[in-house]
Amino acid sequence: MSDQRDLLEQILSGGNRQLQELAAAGMVPLPPEQLIPVQVALAEGNDAAIANQAVTSLRGMEPRLVASFLESQAAERELSWFGRLSELPEIVEVVLRRQDTPRHLLADLAPRLWPELQDALLLRQDAIIEHPPILDALESNPQLTSNAKRRIWEYREHLLPRDKVAQKKPEEILAEADKWSEEEVKEAIDEARGRDREGEKIDELGGLNEGQIRMLPLPARVQIARKAGMQLRRVLVRDSNSTVAMAVLGQGQKITDQELELIANSRAVHVDVLAAVAKNREWIRKYSIVKALARNPRTNLSTALRLLPRLSFNDLRAVARDRNVPQAVRGQALRMGQTKR
C-alpha cells in the first residue's frame, strides 16, 4: 500500500515525465480506483502530449470497468470528466443516476444529453427540486424529445414549489404553446388518460376528467383552449393560469351568451378573465353579463363601479344588500339606488 502511495506521489508531482507518460497510458501497477483519478488529472494537465495520451487511454477503457468505478468510487472531478467527455450513454447514465452527483454538474450535462438519457435525468426529482435550473438547461437541449418537453412543464407546475419557479410571462407561454405540434398535444392527452385513442380531435374531452385536464402541461392546455368545444371551454376558462383562460376567450364569437353569463357569475375564474369580458364592447352590451360582473366579488373594483349605473333599481338594491360584494360597491349601489327611487 505504501508502495502505491509513493508511486502516486511520484506521478502527480511531475518530477518524472516518463512515469507520467506510462501512467497516462494506463501502464503503471495501480488498481482502477487509483489509476483512473490519476489519468483524469493528467488529462486535465498542462502537458498536451501527456493529456492527449491520458484522454485516449480513458476513452479506450472497458465501459463496464468505468461504470463500476463511477457508481461508487469516483469523486466529483472524475464524474465531471466522464459526464462531459464520454460518448457512451451507459457511462453518462451512471453519472446522472448517482445520488451525490453535484446538481450543477447535472445542469451542465443537460443541454447535450442524448434523447435516451433525458428521461434518466428527469427521474432525478430530488435533484430537480433542489436545483430547478436543471429544467431550464434541459429545455435548451436541441435534441429535446416531446416526452421530455411535457415532463419539464409538468414538473414546473406540479412538482416544484412556487417560490423556486421563475414565472413565465403570458407572451412567453404563448410562444412556447406555438411550438407545440398537434401531435405533441395528442401525446399529452393520451398520457393523461392512460391509453391511446388514435384520431381523437383535440376539441373533445377524449375521456379526460377535469383533474386530468388540469394536469396537462400548460402549453398543451393553451393549444386545446384555442380550439376547445363548449364542454371543454367550461373547464379551461377556470384554469388557474390566466393565459389558458384568455385563450378560451380568444375564440370570440364561438362563445355563447350563456357561457359568458356563467363566466361573469363565476367566482372560480381568474380576475383577468372577468376584466377581459368587461372590456369587450360586444359582450358588455348584454344586461345579464353587466349584472353578473357588477355582483361578482372577484370583479375589479373600478370595473364594478363603472358598471353600476347600468343596473336597474331592483338590481342596485340587490347589490347593496349583498355582503359578498366589496363595501365600496355596496355603498355606491345604495347611493345610486336612492337616487333612482
Protein backbone atom coordinates (compact mmCIF):
# COMPACT_ATOMS: atom_id res chain seq x y z
CA MET A 1 0.00 0.00 0.00
CA SER A 2 2.85 2.36 0.85
CA ASP A 3 4.49 1.50 -2.49
CA GLN A 4 1.28 2.50 -4.28
CA ARG A 5 1.14 5.80 -2.37
CA ASP A 6 4.76 6.50 -3.25
CA LEU A 7 4.04 5.75 -6.89
CA LEU A 8 1.02 8.07 -6.88
CA GLU A 9 3.07 10.88 -5.36
CA GLN A 10 5.79 10.46 -7.96
CA ILE A 11 3.30 10.57 -10.82
CA LEU A 12 1.39 13.60 -9.56
CA SER A 13 4.48 15.55 -8.53
CA GLY A 14 5.52 15.84 -12.16
CA GLY A 15 9.17 15.16 -11.45
CA ASN A 16 9.33 12.05 -13.65
CA ARG A 17 7.88 12.70 -17.10
CA GLN A 18 8.49 9.13 -18.28
CA LEU A 19 6.49 7.84 -15.33
CA GLN A 20 3.70 10.27 -16.17
CA GLU A 21 3.64 9.00 -19.75
CA LEU A 22 3.29 5.44 -18.50
CA ALA A 23 0.51 6.46 -16.11
CA ALA A 24 -1.29 8.36 -18.86
CA ALA A 25 -1.21 5.21 -20.98
CA GLY A 26 -2.51 3.14 -18.05
CA MET A 27 0.68 1.14 -17.79
CA VAL A 28 1.55 1.51 -14.10
CA PRO A 29 0.71 -1.08 -11.41
CA LEU A 30 -2.22 0.68 -9.76
CA PRO A 31 -5.80 -0.56 -9.20
CA PRO A 32 -8.53 1.17 -11.27
CA GLU A 33 -9.83 3.18 -8.30
CA GLN A 34 -6.38 4.83 -8.05
CA LEU A 35 -5.30 4.80 -11.69
CA ILE A 36 -8.40 6.40 -13.17
CA PRO A 37 -8.28 9.56 -10.96
CA VAL A 38 -4.57 9.91 -11.86
CA GLN A 39 -5.35 9.65 -15.56
CA VAL A 40 -8.16 12.20 -15.27
CA ALA A 41 -5.78 14.58 -13.50
CA LEU A 42 -3.21 14.10 -16.28
CA ALA A 43 -5.90 14.54 -18.95
CA GLU A 44 -6.65 17.96 -17.46
CA GLY A 45 -3.00 18.90 -17.04
CA ASN A 46 -0.92 21.44 -18.96
CA ASP A 47 1.29 18.93 -20.80
CA ALA A 48 -0.57 18.49 -24.09
CA ALA A 49 1.14 15.27 -25.11
CA ILE A 50 0.52 13.56 -21.80
CA ALA A 51 -3.04 14.93 -21.66
CA ASN A 52 -3.82 13.52 -25.11
CA GLN A 53 -2.39 10.13 -24.14
CA ALA A 54 -4.49 10.08 -20.96
CA VAL A 55 -7.66 11.01 -22.86
CA THR A 56 -7.02 8.28 -25.41
CA SER A 57 -6.43 5.71 -22.67
CA LEU A 58 -9.52 6.73 -20.68
CA ARG A 59 -11.76 6.56 -23.74
CA GLY A 60 -10.40 3.13 -24.57
CA MET A 61 -11.21 1.63 -21.18
CA GLU A 62 -13.70 -1.18 -20.84
CA PRO A 63 -17.08 0.56 -20.25
CA ARG A 64 -18.10 -1.87 -17.53
CA LEU A 65 -14.92 -1.11 -15.61
CA VAL A 66 -15.50 2.64 -15.89
CA ALA A 67 -19.17 2.29 -14.92
CA SER A 68 -18.26 0.26 -11.85
CA PHE A 69 -15.76 2.92 -10.79
CA LEU A 70 -18.20 5.78 -11.37
CA GLU A 71 -21.04 4.09 -9.47
CA SER A 72 -19.32 4.26 -6.09
CA GLN A 73 -15.69 5.34 -6.13
CA ALA A 74 -15.46 8.39 -8.36
CA ALA A 75 -15.14 11.88 -6.90
CA GLU A 76 -16.65 14.99 -8.46
CA ARG A 77 -13.64 15.52 -10.73
CA GLU A 78 -13.98 12.09 -12.35
CA LEU A 79 -17.78 12.29 -12.54
CA SER A 80 -17.48 15.62 -14.29
CA TRP A 81 -14.80 14.42 -16.73
CA PHE A 82 -16.66 11.30 -17.87
CA GLY A 83 -20.03 13.05 -17.85
CA ARG A 84 -18.82 15.81 -20.14
CA LEU A 85 -16.46 13.88 -22.43
CA SER A 86 -17.72 10.31 -22.63
CA GLU A 87 -19.52 9.40 -25.85
CA LEU A 88 -21.08 6.28 -24.32
CA PRO A 89 -24.65 6.68 -22.99
CA GLU A 90 -24.15 3.88 -20.47
CA ILE A 91 -21.28 5.80 -18.87
CA VAL A 92 -23.09 9.15 -18.74
CA GLU A 93 -26.19 7.47 -17.33
CA VAL A 94 -24.22 6.26 -14.31
CA VAL A 95 -23.20 9.87 -13.64
CA LEU A 96 -26.82 11.00 -13.93
CA ARG A 97 -28.13 8.35 -11.56
CA ARG A 98 -25.57 8.73 -8.77
CA GLN A 99 -27.37 10.33 -5.85
CA ASP A 100 -24.44 12.54 -4.87
CA THR A 101 -23.65 13.87 -8.33
CA PRO A 102 -23.40 17.65 -7.89
CA ARG A 103 -26.55 19.39 -9.05
CA HIS A 104 -24.63 21.97 -11.06
CA LEU A 105 -22.99 19.12 -12.99
CA LEU A 106 -26.41 17.70 -13.89
CA ALA A 107 -27.38 21.14 -15.19
CA ASP A 108 -24.14 21.34 -17.19
CA LEU A 109 -24.80 17.95 -18.79
CA ALA A 110 -28.50 18.56 -19.57
CA PRO A 111 -28.09 20.61 -22.80
CA ARG A 112 -26.12 17.84 -24.53
CA LEU A 113 -27.90 14.70 -23.34
CA TRP A 114 -28.96 12.22 -25.96
CA PRO A 115 -32.73 11.58 -26.15
CA GLU A 116 -32.38 8.22 -24.39
CA LEU A 117 -30.74 9.90 -21.40
CA GLN A 118 -33.19 12.77 -20.96
CA ASP A 119 -35.67 10.52 -19.15
CA ALA A 120 -32.88 9.33 -16.84
CA LEU A 121 -32.25 12.93 -15.81
CA LEU A 122 -35.95 13.65 -15.37
CA LEU A 123 -36.18 10.71 -12.97
CA ARG A 124 -33.93 12.68 -10.62
CA GLN A 125 -36.79 14.53 -8.99
CA ASP A 126 -34.75 15.00 -5.83
CA ALA A 127 -32.06 16.89 -7.74
CA ILE A 128 -34.56 18.90 -9.76
CA ILE A 129 -36.36 20.08 -6.64
CA GLU A 130 -33.05 21.13 -5.10
CA HIS A 131 -31.78 22.77 -8.31
CA PRO A 132 -34.59 23.84 -10.71
CA PRO A 133 -32.11 25.31 -13.27
CA ILE A 134 -31.65 21.69 -14.37
CA LEU A 135 -35.00 22.01 -16.16
CA ASP A 136 -34.00 25.26 -17.87
CA ALA A 137 -30.78 23.66 -19.05
CA LEU A 138 -32.56 20.57 -20.37
CA GLU A 139 -35.11 22.75 -22.15
CA SER A 140 -32.25 24.30 -24.17
CA ASN A 141 -31.23 20.86 -25.49
CA PRO A 142 -31.57 20.90 -29.31
CA GLN A 143 -32.45 17.18 -29.21
CA LEU A 144 -35.23 17.63 -26.64
CA THR A 145 -37.89 14.95 -27.05
CA SER A 146 -41.60 15.64 -26.90
CA ASN A 147 -41.84 13.47 -23.78
CA ALA A 148 -39.11 15.48 -22.04
CA LYS A 149 -40.78 18.71 -23.10
CA ARG A 150 -44.03 17.60 -21.42
CA ARG A 151 -42.24 16.47 -18.28
CA ILE A 152 -40.44 19.79 -17.91
CA TRP A 153 -43.74 21.71 -17.87
CA GLU A 154 -45.40 19.18 -15.59
CA TYR A 155 -42.57 19.48 -13.09
CA ARG A 156 -42.71 23.27 -13.14
CA GLU A 157 -46.43 23.30 -12.48
CA HIS A 158 -46.91 20.35 -10.16
CA LEU A 159 -43.57 19.32 -8.62
CA LEU A 160 -41.56 22.42 -7.83
CA PRO A 161 -42.52 24.83 -5.05
CA ARG A 162 -43.86 28.08 -6.47
CA ASP A 163 -41.08 30.11 -4.91
CA LYS A 164 -38.49 28.07 -6.81
CA VAL A 165 -40.00 28.55 -10.25
CA ALA A 166 -39.46 31.65 -12.34
CA GLN A 167 -42.96 32.52 -13.54
CA LYS A 168 -43.14 32.90 -17.31
CA LYS A 169 -44.88 35.91 -18.81
CA PRO A 170 -48.04 35.32 -20.88
CA GLU A 171 -46.22 36.11 -24.11
CA GLU A 172 -43.56 33.53 -23.25
CA ILE A 173 -46.21 30.91 -22.55
CA LEU A 174 -47.98 31.67 -25.83
CA ALA A 175 -44.71 31.48 -27.75
CA GLU A 176 -43.99 28.10 -26.20
CA ALA A 177 -47.51 26.88 -26.97
CA ASP A 178 -46.99 27.87 -30.62
CA LYS A 179 -44.03 25.46 -30.74
CA TRP A 180 -46.13 22.50 -29.64
CA SER A 181 -47.34 20.43 -32.56
CA GLU A 182 -50.81 18.93 -32.60
CA GLU A 183 -49.17 15.52 -32.32
CA GLU A 184 -47.42 16.57 -29.12
CA VAL A 185 -50.70 17.81 -27.69
CA LYS A 186 -52.36 14.49 -28.54
CA GLU A 187 -49.48 12.63 -26.89
CA ALA A 188 -50.04 14.67 -23.74
CA ILE A 189 -53.76 13.86 -23.82
CA ASP A 190 -53.11 10.16 -24.38
CA GLU A 191 -50.68 10.09 -21.48
CA ALA A 192 -53.10 11.92 -19.19
CA ARG A 193 -55.87 9.42 -19.80
CA GLY A 194 -53.51 6.45 -19.80
CA ARG A 195 -54.44 4.90 -23.14
CA ASP A 196 -54.26 5.75 -26.84
CA ARG A 197 -57.17 6.90 -28.91
CA GLU A 198 -55.94 7.46 -32.42
CA GLY A 199 -57.56 10.21 -34.41
CA GLU A 200 -59.09 11.97 -31.40
CA LYS A 201 -59.88 15.61 -32.05
CA ILE A 202 -58.31 17.95 -29.55
CA ASP A 203 -61.54 19.91 -29.07
CA GLU A 204 -63.14 16.92 -27.36
CA LEU A 205 -62.68 15.76 -23.80
CA GLY A 206 -61.43 12.41 -25.06
CA GLY A 207 -62.18 10.61 -21.83
CA LEU A 208 -60.35 13.07 -19.59
CA ASN A 209 -61.85 14.19 -16.35
CA GLU A 210 -61.37 17.72 -15.05
CA GLY A 211 -58.46 16.75 -12.84
CA GLN A 212 -56.63 15.12 -15.74
CA ILE A 213 -57.18 18.18 -17.92
CA ARG A 214 -55.60 20.39 -15.29
CA MET A 215 -52.60 18.05 -15.13
CA LEU A 216 -51.80 18.61 -18.81
CA PRO A 217 -48.72 20.77 -19.46
CA LEU A 218 -49.50 24.48 -19.69
CA PRO A 219 -48.64 24.86 -23.42
CA ALA A 220 -50.91 21.90 -24.21
CA ARG A 221 -53.79 23.48 -22.31
CA VAL A 222 -53.28 26.73 -24.22
CA GLN A 223 -53.36 24.88 -27.53
CA ILE A 224 -56.51 22.99 -26.54
CA ALA A 225 -58.18 26.16 -25.26
CA ARG A 226 -57.80 27.78 -28.67
CA LYS A 227 -59.96 25.09 -30.31
CA ALA A 228 -61.99 23.67 -27.43
CA GLY A 229 -65.66 22.87 -27.71
CA MET A 230 -68.23 24.15 -25.23
CA GLN A 231 -67.81 21.34 -22.70
CA LEU A 232 -64.06 21.73 -22.54
CA ARG A 233 -64.22 25.53 -22.55
CA ARG A 234 -66.15 25.44 -19.28
CA VAL A 235 -63.22 23.66 -17.66
CA LEU A 236 -60.38 25.60 -19.23
CA VAL A 237 -61.85 29.04 -18.63
CA ARG A 238 -61.47 28.33 -14.90
CA ASP A 239 -57.80 27.38 -15.28
CA SER A 240 -55.55 28.75 -12.55
CA ASN A 241 -53.27 30.20 -15.22
CA SER A 242 -54.92 33.20 -16.84
CA THR A 243 -53.13 32.57 -20.16
CA VAL A 244 -55.17 29.40 -20.66
CA ALA A 245 -58.43 31.08 -19.73
CA MET A 246 -57.68 34.04 -22.00
CA ALA A 247 -57.03 31.61 -24.86
CA VAL A 248 -60.60 30.38 -24.36
CA LEU A 249 -61.93 33.94 -24.64
CA GLY A 250 -59.86 34.32 -27.80
CA GLN A 251 -62.39 32.14 -29.59
CA GLY A 252 -64.62 35.23 -29.70
CA GLN A 253 -67.92 34.64 -31.43
CA LYS A 254 -67.83 30.89 -30.78
CA ILE A 255 -68.56 31.57 -27.12
CA THR A 256 -72.29 31.67 -26.43
CA ASP A 257 -74.14 34.25 -24.35
CA GLN A 258 -74.96 31.52 -21.84
CA GLU A 259 -71.25 30.71 -21.44
CA LEU A 260 -70.38 34.38 -20.99
CA GLU A 261 -73.02 34.79 -18.32
CA LEU A 262 -71.67 31.74 -16.46
CA ILE A 263 -68.16 33.17 -16.69
CA ALA A 264 -69.28 36.58 -15.45
CA ASN A 265 -71.02 34.94 -12.48
CA SER A 266 -68.17 32.59 -11.65
CA ARG A 267 -66.01 33.10 -8.58
CA ALA A 268 -63.60 30.45 -9.82
CA VAL A 269 -62.26 32.26 -12.88
CA HIS A 270 -59.13 34.40 -12.88
CA VAL A 271 -59.69 38.13 -12.32
CA ASP A 272 -58.05 38.82 -15.70
CA VAL A 273 -60.84 36.86 -17.38
CA LEU A 274 -63.55 38.99 -15.79
CA ALA A 275 -61.64 42.12 -16.82
CA ALA A 276 -61.41 40.87 -20.40
CA VAL A 277 -65.14 40.19 -20.55
CA ALA A 278 -65.85 43.68 -19.20
CA LYS A 279 -63.63 45.25 -21.87
CA ASN A 280 -65.34 43.53 -24.78
CA ARG A 281 -67.86 46.02 -26.19
CA GLU A 282 -70.00 43.35 -27.80
CA TRP A 283 -70.28 41.19 -24.69
CA ILE A 284 -70.84 44.07 -22.29
CA ARG A 285 -73.93 45.19 -24.23
CA LYS A 286 -75.85 42.30 -22.68
CA TYR A 287 -77.54 43.29 -19.44
CA SER A 288 -77.27 39.85 -17.83
CA ILE A 289 -73.48 39.98 -18.19
CA VAL A 290 -73.28 43.53 -16.79
CA LYS A 291 -75.34 42.49 -13.78
CA ALA A 292 -73.26 39.37 -13.20
CA LEU A 293 -69.99 41.28 -13.34
CA ALA A 294 -71.23 44.01 -11.02
CA ARG A 295 -72.28 41.44 -8.40
CA ASN A 296 -69.19 39.23 -8.70
CA PRO A 297 -66.85 39.84 -5.72
CA ARG A 298 -63.86 38.96 -7.94
CA THR A 299 -64.57 41.71 -10.45
CA ASN A 300 -62.04 44.53 -10.30
CA LEU A 301 -63.37 47.31 -8.05
CA SER A 302 -63.09 50.04 -10.70
CA THR A 303 -64.86 47.85 -13.23
CA ALA A 304 -67.72 47.02 -10.87
CA LEU A 305 -68.22 50.71 -10.00
CA ARG A 306 -68.21 51.59 -13.70
CA LEU A 307 -70.97 49.09 -14.40
CA LEU A 308 -73.31 50.06 -11.55
CA PRO A 309 -75.02 52.96 -13.41
CA ARG A 310 -76.32 50.45 -15.95
CA LEU A 311 -78.21 48.42 -13.35
CA SER A 312 -81.90 48.71 -12.66
CA PHE A 313 -83.26 49.97 -9.34
CA ASN A 314 -84.06 46.43 -8.13
CA ASP A 315 -80.62 45.12 -9.08
CA LEU A 316 -78.91 48.07 -7.36
CA ARG A 317 -80.83 47.21 -4.20
CA ALA A 318 -79.73 43.59 -4.53
CA VAL A 319 -76.08 44.62 -4.87
CA ALA A 320 -76.37 46.97 -1.89
CA ARG A 321 -77.65 44.09 0.28
CA ASP A 322 -75.14 41.50 -0.91
CA ARG A 323 -72.48 41.13 1.80
CA ASN A 324 -70.23 39.19 -0.57
CA VAL A 325 -69.75 42.34 -2.63
CA PRO A 326 -66.98 44.78 -1.57
CA GLN A 327 -68.17 47.56 0.75
CA ALA A 328 -67.27 50.29 -1.75
CA VAL A 329 -69.50 48.71 -4.39
CA ARG A 330 -72.34 48.14 -1.93
CA GLY A 331 -72.18 51.73 -0.71
CA GLN A 332 -72.19 53.13 -4.25
CA ALA A 333 -75.08 50.87 -5.23
CA LEU A 334 -77.06 52.07 -2.20
CA ARG A 335 -76.48 55.74 -3.07
CA MET A 336 -77.38 55.20 -6.72
CA GLY A 337 -80.48 53.24 -5.76
CA GLN A 338 -81.69 56.10 -3.58
CA THR A 339 -81.21 58.47 -6.50
CA LYS A 340 -83.14 56.26 -8.90
CA ARG A 341 -86.03 55.73 -6.48
